[in-house]
């Protein structure tokens, strides 16, 4: 595999406007995410930006940033647009789409998204999951569950379905989906051109678009969910965590 890491980001976040450039211990959040991508050491890192201000920040640090159409609907669309601009020769055949609001993510977690693609040639999209141990988390509609076909003792399984409801039924482990995706390049090109699916709209889950169109997603089960910064409380927690790691 010849991976590239693409970080889609924009300033127009609905829950925490401008969060990409929000200060975390002296640096904008997107800078921390960019550094985590570099530390993963899986390939070059490109920041796909919806705003010129973010481009300027990354370029000033010697990174590579691309300005994309601000109206693109998803992070995957933004990542694909940046990829087509920066790599028209198709030097990279795997695309790690790293969310721009994960400033504390462990670089090992980024690398883990490559494992399903390495194991199964049929896997088109790789994602992550954690085991659900809290019964309140299991019942929460905000927690997206995976019906994961996984053998006992294994850490990689095929994602059969995603839902806000509790799935699957019966006795056994349940898994929380972590919305980070690594695509084979041709799979990303296919995905961004698919029509929205019926189940995708019903559950309000974009990943169901791939399932409905017959694409294969496999998930790697990891121990700890990365902290996504969506609220002021998340932001303060990220500041505390990074302050500890910097000491």
C-alpha atoms as a PDB file:
ATOM      1  CA  UNK A   1       0.000   0.000   0.000  1.00  0.00           C
ATOM      2  CA  UNK A   2       1.078   3.575  -0.705  1.00  0.00           C
ATOM      3  CA  UNK A   3      -0.900   5.668   1.810  1.00  0.00           C
ATOM      4  CA  UNK A   4      -1.435   9.388   2.070  1.00  0.00           C
ATOM      5  CA  UNK A   5      -3.063  11.173   5.015  1.00  0.00           C
ATOM      6  CA  UNK A   6      -5.601  13.865   4.167  1.00  0.00           C
ATOM      7  CA  UNK A   7      -7.108  16.068   6.880  1.00  0.00           C
ATOM      8  CA  UNK A   8     -10.376  17.754   5.819  1.00  0.00           C
ATOM      9  CA  UNK A   9     -11.214  20.865   7.812  1.00  0.00           C
ATOM     10  CA  UNK A  10     -13.214  24.099   7.665  1.00  0.00           C
ATOM     11  CA  UNK A  11     -14.165  26.987   9.919  1.00  0.00           C
ATOM     12  CA  UNK A  12     -17.924  26.627   9.556  1.00  0.00           C
ATOM     13  CA  UNK A  13     -18.517  24.088  12.329  1.00  0.00           C
ATOM     14  CA  UNK A  14     -22.097  24.350  13.572  1.00  0.00           C
ATOM     15  CA  UNK A  15     -21.439  23.242  17.168  1.00  0.00           C
ATOM     16  CA  UNK A  16     -18.136  25.048  17.747  1.00  0.00           C
ATOM     17  CA  UNK A  17     -17.634  27.697  15.035  1.00  0.00           C
ATOM     18  CA  UNK A  18     -14.038  28.339  14.021  1.00  0.00           C
ATOM     19  CA  UNK A  19     -12.760  25.376  16.024  1.00  0.00           C
ATOM     20  CA  UNK A  20     -10.069  24.476  13.488  1.00  0.00           C
ATOM     21  CA  UNK A  21      -8.155  27.626  14.475  1.00  0.00           C
ATOM     22  CA  UNK A  22      -9.111  27.584  18.150  1.00  0.00           C
ATOM     23  CA  UNK A  23      -6.051  27.870  20.383  1.00  0.00           C
ATOM     24  CA  UNK A  24      -4.882  24.784  22.229  1.00  0.00           C
ATOM     25  CA  UNK A  25      -1.848  25.513  24.356  1.00  0.00           C
ATOM     26  CA  UNK A  26      -0.385  28.054  21.962  1.00  0.00           C
ATOM     27  CA  UNK A  27      -1.222  26.437  18.636  1.00  0.00           C
ATOM     28  CA  UNK A  28      -4.408  26.183  16.548  1.00  0.00           C
ATOM     29  CA  UNK A  29      -6.205  22.845  16.842  1.00  0.00           C
ATOM     30  CA  UNK A  30      -5.577  21.968  13.199  1.00  0.00           C
ATOM     31  CA  UNK A  31      -1.826  22.235  13.806  1.00  0.00           C
ATOM     32  CA  UNK A  32      -2.032  19.594  16.527  1.00  0.00           C
ATOM     33  CA  UNK A  33      -3.993  17.277  14.198  1.00  0.00           C
ATOM     34  CA  UNK A  34      -1.487  17.865  11.388  1.00  0.00           C
ATOM     35  CA  UNK A  35       1.361  16.954  13.760  1.00  0.00           C
ATOM     36  CA  UNK A  36      -0.418  13.745  14.822  1.00  0.00           C
ATOM     37  CA  UNK A  37      -0.696  12.841  11.138  1.00  0.00           C
ATOM     38  CA  UNK A  38       3.033  13.383  10.662  1.00  0.00           C
ATOM     39  CA  UNK A  39       3.826  11.353  13.792  1.00  0.00           C
ATOM     40  CA  UNK A  40       1.834   8.399  12.419  1.00  0.00           C
ATOM     41  CA  UNK A  41       4.516   8.174   9.713  1.00  0.00           C
ATOM     42  CA  UNK A  42       2.384   6.352   7.160  1.00  0.00           C
ATOM     43  CA  UNK A  43       2.834   8.768   4.263  1.00  0.00           C
ATOM     44  CA  UNK A  44       2.673  12.445   3.301  1.00  0.00           C
ATOM     45  CA  UNK A  45       0.115  14.624   5.079  1.00  0.00           C
ATOM     46  CA  UNK A  46      -2.162  17.064   3.241  1.00  0.00           C
ATOM     47  CA  UNK A  47      -4.633  19.438   4.909  1.00  0.00           C
ATOM     48  CA  UNK A  48      -7.765  19.900   2.794  1.00  0.00           C
ATOM     49  CA  UNK A  49      -9.143  23.299   3.778  1.00  0.00           C
ATOM     50  CA  UNK A  50     -12.463  24.988   3.249  1.00  0.00           C
ATOM     51  CA  UNK A  51     -10.991  28.384   4.203  1.00  0.00           C
ATOM     52  CA  UNK A  52      -7.880  30.338   3.192  1.00  0.00           C
ATOM     53  CA  UNK A  53      -7.067  31.176   6.828  1.00  0.00           C
ATOM     54  CA  UNK A  54      -6.388  27.496   7.557  1.00  0.00           C
ATOM     55  CA  UNK A  55      -4.259  27.168   4.418  1.00  0.00           C
ATOM     56  CA  UNK A  56      -2.111  30.074   5.597  1.00  0.00           C
ATOM     57  CA  UNK A  57      -1.540  28.554   9.050  1.00  0.00           C
ATOM     58  CA  UNK A  58      -0.359  25.205   7.687  1.00  0.00           C
ATOM     59  CA  UNK A  59       1.733  26.704   4.893  1.00  0.00           C
ATOM     60  CA  UNK A  60       3.461  29.044   7.347  1.00  0.00           C
ATOM     61  CA  UNK A  61       4.644  25.956   9.255  1.00  0.00           C
ATOM     62  CA  UNK A  62       6.028  24.346   6.126  1.00  0.00           C
ATOM     63  CA  UNK A  63       3.119  21.925   5.694  1.00  0.00           C
ATOM     64  CA  UNK A  64       1.062  21.232   2.594  1.00  0.00           C
ATOM     65  CA  UNK A  65      -2.462  22.649   2.492  1.00  0.00           C
ATOM     66  CA  UNK A  66      -4.987  22.823  -0.338  1.00  0.00           C
ATOM     67  CA  UNK A  67      -7.928  25.207  -0.603  1.00  0.00           C
ATOM     68  CA  UNK A  68     -11.079  23.332  -1.622  1.00  0.00           C
ATOM     69  CA  UNK A  69     -14.632  24.394  -2.386  1.00  0.00           C
ATOM     70  CA  UNK A  70     -16.162  25.596   0.883  1.00  0.00           C
ATOM     71  CA  UNK A  71     -19.546  24.109  -0.061  1.00  0.00           C
ATOM     72  CA  UNK A  72     -18.405  20.475  -0.315  1.00  0.00           C
ATOM     73  CA  UNK A  73     -20.873  18.417   1.747  1.00  0.00           C
ATOM     74  CA  UNK A  74     -18.606  15.983   3.631  1.00  0.00           C
ATOM     75  CA  UNK A  75     -15.060  15.494   4.826  1.00  0.00           C
ATOM     76  CA  UNK A  76     -14.666  12.627   2.352  1.00  0.00           C
ATOM     77  CA  UNK A  77     -15.643  14.938  -0.535  1.00  0.00           C
ATOM     78  CA  UNK A  78     -13.127  17.522   0.663  1.00  0.00           C
ATOM     79  CA  UNK A  79     -10.389  14.908   1.046  1.00  0.00           C
ATOM     80  CA  UNK A  80     -11.028  13.583  -2.456  1.00  0.00           C
ATOM     81  CA  UNK A  81     -10.907  17.064  -3.991  1.00  0.00           C
ATOM     82  CA  UNK A  82      -7.554  17.755  -2.337  1.00  0.00           C
ATOM     83  CA  UNK A  83      -6.214  14.350  -3.353  1.00  0.00           C
ATOM     84  CA  UNK A  84      -7.100  14.825  -7.009  1.00  0.00           C
ATOM     85  CA  UNK A  85      -5.340  18.204  -6.973  1.00  0.00           C
ATOM     86  CA  UNK A  86      -2.173  17.088  -5.182  1.00  0.00           C
ATOM     87  CA  UNK A  87      -1.746  13.595  -6.645  1.00  0.00           C
ATOM     88  CA  UNK A  88      -3.058  13.499 -10.228  1.00  0.00           C
ATOM     89  CA  UNK A  89      -0.427  10.843 -11.082  1.00  0.00           C
ATOM     90  CA  UNK A  90      -2.015   8.449  -8.556  1.00  0.00           C
ATOM     91  CA  UNK A  91       1.181   7.834  -6.630  1.00  0.00           C
ATOM     92  CA  UNK A  92      -0.939   6.977  -3.570  1.00  0.00           C
ATOM     93  CA  UNK A  93      -3.514   4.195  -3.605  1.00  0.00           C
ATOM     94  CA  UNK A  94      -4.779   4.406   0.004  1.00  0.00           C
ATOM     95  CA  UNK A  95      -6.254   7.527   1.600  1.00  0.00           C
ATOM     96  CA  UNK A  96      -6.346   7.964   5.370  1.00  0.00           C
ATOM     97  CA  UNK A  97      -9.026  10.583   6.049  1.00  0.00           C
ATOM     98  CA  UNK A  98      -8.070  12.044   9.427  1.00  0.00           C
ATOM     99  CA  UNK A  99     -10.751  14.237  10.989  1.00  0.00           C
ATOM    100  CA  UNK A 100      -9.617  17.764  11.732  1.00  0.00           C
ATOM    101  CA  UNK A 101     -11.022  17.771  15.274  1.00  0.00           C
ATOM    102  CA  UNK A 102      -8.861  15.010  16.790  1.00  0.00           C
ATOM    103  CA  UNK A 103      -5.910  16.945  18.274  1.00  0.00           C
ATOM    104  CA  UNK A 104      -5.040  14.286  20.876  1.00  0.00           C
ATOM    105  CA  UNK A 105      -5.328  11.184  18.676  1.00  0.00           C
ATOM    106  CA  UNK A 106      -2.644   8.559  19.219  1.00  0.00           C
ATOM    107  CA  UNK A 107      -0.598   8.140  16.026  1.00  0.00           C
ATOM    108  CA  UNK A 108      -0.913   4.372  16.562  1.00  0.00           C
ATOM    109  CA  UNK A 109      -4.682   4.769  16.134  1.00  0.00           C
ATOM    110  CA  UNK A 110      -4.126   6.380  12.748  1.00  0.00           C
ATOM    111  CA  UNK A 111      -1.910   3.471  11.722  1.00  0.00           C
ATOM    112  CA  UNK A 112      -4.526   0.999  12.943  1.00  0.00           C
ATOM    113  CA  UNK A 113      -6.933   2.077  10.211  1.00  0.00           C
ATOM    114  CA  UNK A 114      -4.634   0.480   7.629  1.00  0.00           C
ATOM    115  CA  UNK A 115      -4.849  -3.002   9.147  1.00  0.00           C
ATOM    116  CA  UNK A 116      -8.207  -4.106   7.663  1.00  0.00           C
ATOM    117  CA  UNK A 117      -7.030  -3.156   4.179  1.00  0.00           C
ATOM    118  CA  UNK A 118      -3.827  -5.129   4.688  1.00  0.00           C
ATOM    119  CA  UNK A 119      -5.686  -8.232   5.842  1.00  0.00           C
ATOM    120  CA  UNK A 120      -8.478  -8.435   3.281  1.00  0.00           C
ATOM    121  CA  UNK A 121      -8.064  -7.466  -0.358  1.00  0.00           C
ATOM    122  CA  UNK A 122     -11.868  -7.315  -0.625  1.00  0.00           C
ATOM    123  CA  UNK A 123     -12.085  -4.582   2.039  1.00  0.00           C
ATOM    124  CA  UNK A 124     -12.683  -1.239   0.340  1.00  0.00           C
ATOM    125  CA  UNK A 125     -13.070   1.038   3.370  1.00  0.00           C
ATOM    126  CA  UNK A 126     -11.540   0.589   6.828  1.00  0.00           C
ATOM    127  CA  UNK A 127     -12.854   2.165   9.999  1.00  0.00           C
ATOM    128  CA  UNK A 128     -12.528   1.828  13.785  1.00  0.00           C
ATOM    129  CA  UNK A 129     -14.609   0.618  16.712  1.00  0.00           C
ATOM    130  CA  UNK A 130     -14.448   0.273  20.481  1.00  0.00           C
ATOM    131  CA  UNK A 131     -16.251  -2.217  22.671  1.00  0.00           C
ATOM    132  CA  UNK A 132     -19.262  -0.783  24.518  1.00  0.00           C
ATOM    133  CA  UNK A 133     -19.149  -1.552  28.238  1.00  0.00           C
ATOM    134  CA  UNK A 134     -21.496   1.120  29.621  1.00  0.00           C
ATOM    135  CA  UNK A 135     -25.211   0.178  29.349  1.00  0.00           C
ATOM    136  CA  UNK A 136     -26.156   3.864  29.113  1.00  0.00           C
ATOM    137  CA  UNK A 137     -23.817   4.304  26.157  1.00  0.00           C
ATOM    138  CA  UNK A 138     -25.343   1.225  24.541  1.00  0.00           C
ATOM    139  CA  UNK A 139     -28.838   2.727  24.643  1.00  0.00           C
ATOM    140  CA  UNK A 140     -27.866   6.279  23.592  1.00  0.00           C
ATOM    141  CA  UNK A 141     -28.996   7.187  20.043  1.00  0.00           C
ATOM    142  CA  UNK A 142     -26.001   9.507  19.753  1.00  0.00           C
ATOM    143  CA  UNK A 143     -23.705   6.468  19.967  1.00  0.00           C
ATOM    144  CA  UNK A 144     -23.557   4.738  16.595  1.00  0.00           C
ATOM    145  CA  UNK A 145     -23.432   0.962  16.908  1.00  0.00           C
ATOM    146  CA  UNK A 146     -21.977  -1.552  14.424  1.00  0.00           C
ATOM    147  CA  UNK A 147     -23.277  -5.000  13.642  1.00  0.00           C
ATOM    148  CA  UNK A 148     -19.728  -6.348  13.401  1.00  0.00           C
ATOM    149  CA  UNK A 149     -19.087  -9.851  12.095  1.00  0.00           C
ATOM    150  CA  UNK A 150     -16.015 -10.616  14.176  1.00  0.00           C
ATOM    151  CA  UNK A 151     -14.649 -13.929  15.412  1.00  0.00           C
ATOM    152  CA  UNK A 152     -13.874 -14.400  19.149  1.00  0.00           C
ATOM    153  CA  UNK A 153     -10.384 -13.201  19.968  1.00  0.00           C
ATOM    154  CA  UNK A 154     -10.001 -11.252  16.727  1.00  0.00           C
ATOM    155  CA  UNK A 155      -9.728  -7.459  16.448  1.00  0.00           C
ATOM    156  CA  UNK A 156     -10.927  -7.003  12.853  1.00  0.00           C
ATOM    157  CA  UNK A 157     -14.390  -7.799  11.532  1.00  0.00           C
ATOM    158  CA  UNK A 158     -16.721  -6.931   8.688  1.00  0.00           C
ATOM    159  CA  UNK A 159     -19.192  -4.108   9.332  1.00  0.00           C
ATOM    160  CA  UNK A 160     -22.557  -5.454   8.203  1.00  0.00           C
ATOM    161  CA  UNK A 161     -24.692  -2.502   9.351  1.00  0.00           C
ATOM    162  CA  UNK A 162     -24.552   0.713  11.374  1.00  0.00           C
ATOM    163  CA  UNK A 163     -27.407   2.028  13.514  1.00  0.00           C
ATOM    164  CA  UNK A 164     -28.353   4.360  16.334  1.00  0.00           C
ATOM    165  CA  UNK A 165     -30.385   1.464  17.730  1.00  0.00           C
ATOM    166  CA  UNK A 166     -28.894  -1.422  19.706  1.00  0.00           C
ATOM    167  CA  UNK A 167     -27.527  -3.973  17.228  1.00  0.00           C
ATOM    168  CA  UNK A 168     -27.128  -6.896  16.993  1.00  0.00           C
ATOM    169  CA  UNK A 169     -29.733  -8.591  19.195  1.00  0.00           C
ATOM    170  CA  UNK A 170     -28.824 -11.483  21.492  1.00  0.00           C
ATOM    171  CA  UNK A 171     -25.991 -12.118  23.910  1.00  0.00           C
ATOM    172  CA  UNK A 172     -22.527 -10.896  23.005  1.00  0.00           C
ATOM    173  CA  UNK A 173     -20.339  -7.844  22.633  1.00  0.00           C
ATOM    174  CA  UNK A 174     -21.527  -4.552  21.157  1.00  0.00           C
ATOM    175  CA  UNK A 175     -19.341  -2.038  19.361  1.00  0.00           C
ATOM    176  CA  UNK A 176     -19.275   1.741  19.151  1.00  0.00           C
ATOM    177  CA  UNK A 177     -18.343   3.102  15.722  1.00  0.00           C
ATOM    178  CA  UNK A 178     -15.531   5.648  15.544  1.00  0.00           C
ATOM    179  CA  UNK A 179     -16.100   7.808  12.474  1.00  0.00           C
ATOM    180  CA  UNK A 180     -12.649   7.701  10.934  1.00  0.00           C
ATOM    181  CA  UNK A 181     -12.177   6.129   7.503  1.00  0.00           C
ATOM    182  CA  UNK A 182      -9.317   4.876   5.368  1.00  0.00           C
ATOM    183  CA  UNK A 183     -10.222   4.220   1.736  1.00  0.00           C
ATOM    184  CA  UNK A 184      -8.676   2.425  -1.143  1.00  0.00           C
ATOM    185  CA  UNK A 185      -8.378   5.257  -3.628  1.00  0.00           C
ATOM    186  CA  UNK A 186     -10.805   3.779  -6.134  1.00  0.00           C
ATOM    187  CA  UNK A 187     -13.297   3.226  -3.300  1.00  0.00           C
ATOM    188  CA  UNK A 188     -13.110   6.886  -2.293  1.00  0.00           C
ATOM    189  CA  UNK A 189     -13.655   7.937  -5.913  1.00  0.00           C
ATOM    190  CA  UNK A 190     -16.699   5.675  -6.042  1.00  0.00           C
ATOM    191  CA  UNK A 191     -18.092   6.758  -2.685  1.00  0.00           C
ATOM    192  CA  UNK A 192     -18.111  10.506  -3.359  1.00  0.00           C
ATOM    193  CA  UNK A 193     -20.150   9.931  -6.522  1.00  0.00           C
ATOM    194  CA  UNK A 194     -22.826   7.722  -4.952  1.00  0.00           C
ATOM    195  CA  UNK A 195     -26.380   8.934  -4.485  1.00  0.00           C
ATOM    196  CA  UNK A 196     -27.648   9.248  -0.918  1.00  0.00           C
ATOM    197  CA  UNK A 197     -29.218   6.026   0.275  1.00  0.00           C
ATOM    198  CA  UNK A 198     -32.646   5.397   1.756  1.00  0.00           C
ATOM    199  CA  UNK A 199     -31.225   3.927   4.968  1.00  0.00           C
ATOM    200  CA  UNK A 200     -28.554   6.632   5.138  1.00  0.00           C
ATOM    201  CA  UNK A 201     -31.287   9.264   5.256  1.00  0.00           C
ATOM    202  CA  UNK A 202     -33.418   7.300   7.700  1.00  0.00           C
ATOM    203  CA  UNK A 203     -30.586   6.753  10.210  1.00  0.00           C
ATOM    204  CA  UNK A 204     -28.742   9.984   9.318  1.00  0.00           C
ATOM    205  CA  UNK A 205     -25.508   8.014   8.929  1.00  0.00           C
ATOM    206  CA  UNK A 206     -23.371   8.691   5.849  1.00  0.00           C
ATOM    207  CA  UNK A 207     -21.490   5.388   6.096  1.00  0.00           C
ATOM    208  CA  UNK A 208     -24.684   3.525   5.229  1.00  0.00           C
ATOM    209  CA  UNK A 209     -24.388   4.933   1.726  1.00  0.00           C
ATOM    210  CA  UNK A 210     -21.443   2.623   1.126  1.00  0.00           C
ATOM    211  CA  UNK A 211     -23.243  -0.363   2.656  1.00  0.00           C
ATOM    212  CA  UNK A 212     -26.374   0.238   0.567  1.00  0.00           C
ATOM    213  CA  UNK A 213     -24.305   0.304  -2.617  1.00  0.00           C
ATOM    214  CA  UNK A 214     -22.584  -2.982  -1.813  1.00  0.00           C
ATOM    215  CA  UNK A 215     -19.211  -1.663  -0.676  1.00  0.00           C
ATOM    216  CA  UNK A 216     -17.281  -3.619   1.947  1.00  0.00           C
ATOM    217  CA  UNK A 217     -16.310  -1.925   5.208  1.00  0.00           C
ATOM    218  CA  UNK A 218     -14.162  -3.642   7.833  1.00  0.00           C
ATOM    219  CA  UNK A 219     -13.521  -2.281  11.329  1.00  0.00           C
ATOM    220  CA  UNK A 220     -10.478  -2.550  13.572  1.00  0.00           C
ATOM    221  CA  UNK A 221     -11.382  -2.721  17.268  1.00  0.00           C
ATOM    222  CA  UNK A 222      -9.169  -0.495  19.418  1.00  0.00           C
ATOM    223  CA  UNK A 223      -9.136   0.058  23.161  1.00  0.00           C
ATOM    224  CA  UNK A 224      -9.754   3.800  23.495  1.00  0.00           C
ATOM    225  CA  UNK A 225     -11.956   6.167  21.525  1.00  0.00           C
ATOM    226  CA  UNK A 226     -10.107   9.295  20.297  1.00  0.00           C
ATOM    227  CA  UNK A 227     -11.358  12.582  21.745  1.00  0.00           C
ATOM    228  CA  UNK A 228     -13.309  14.537  19.149  1.00  0.00           C
ATOM    229  CA  UNK A 229     -13.595  18.258  19.934  1.00  0.00           C
ATOM    230  CA  UNK A 230     -17.218  19.311  19.424  1.00  0.00           C
ATOM    231  CA  UNK A 231     -17.923  21.426  22.529  1.00  0.00           C
ATOM    232  CA  UNK A 232     -16.157  23.856  24.838  1.00  0.00           C
ATOM    233  CA  UNK A 233     -15.887  21.055  27.404  1.00  0.00           C
ATOM    234  CA  UNK A 234     -14.132  18.854  24.825  1.00  0.00           C
ATOM    235  CA  UNK A 235     -11.797  21.732  24.041  1.00  0.00           C
ATOM    236  CA  UNK A 236     -10.799  22.143  27.697  1.00  0.00           C
ATOM    237  CA  UNK A 237     -10.217  18.408  28.000  1.00  0.00           C
ATOM    238  CA  UNK A 238      -7.980  18.447  24.912  1.00  0.00           C
ATOM    239  CA  UNK A 239      -5.985  21.326  26.385  1.00  0.00           C
ATOM    240  CA  UNK A 240      -5.482  19.390  29.604  1.00  0.00           C
ATOM    241  CA  UNK A 241      -4.467  16.189  27.835  1.00  0.00           C
ATOM    242  CA  UNK A 242      -1.971  17.939  25.572  1.00  0.00           C
ATOM    243  CA  UNK A 243      -0.551  19.902  28.499  1.00  0.00           C
ATOM    244  CA  UNK A 244       0.211  16.599  30.211  1.00  0.00           C
ATOM    245  CA  UNK A 245       1.781  15.070  27.092  1.00  0.00           C
ATOM    246  CA  UNK A 246       4.008  18.132  26.603  1.00  0.00           C
ATOM    247  CA  UNK A 247       5.478  17.950  30.124  1.00  0.00           C
END
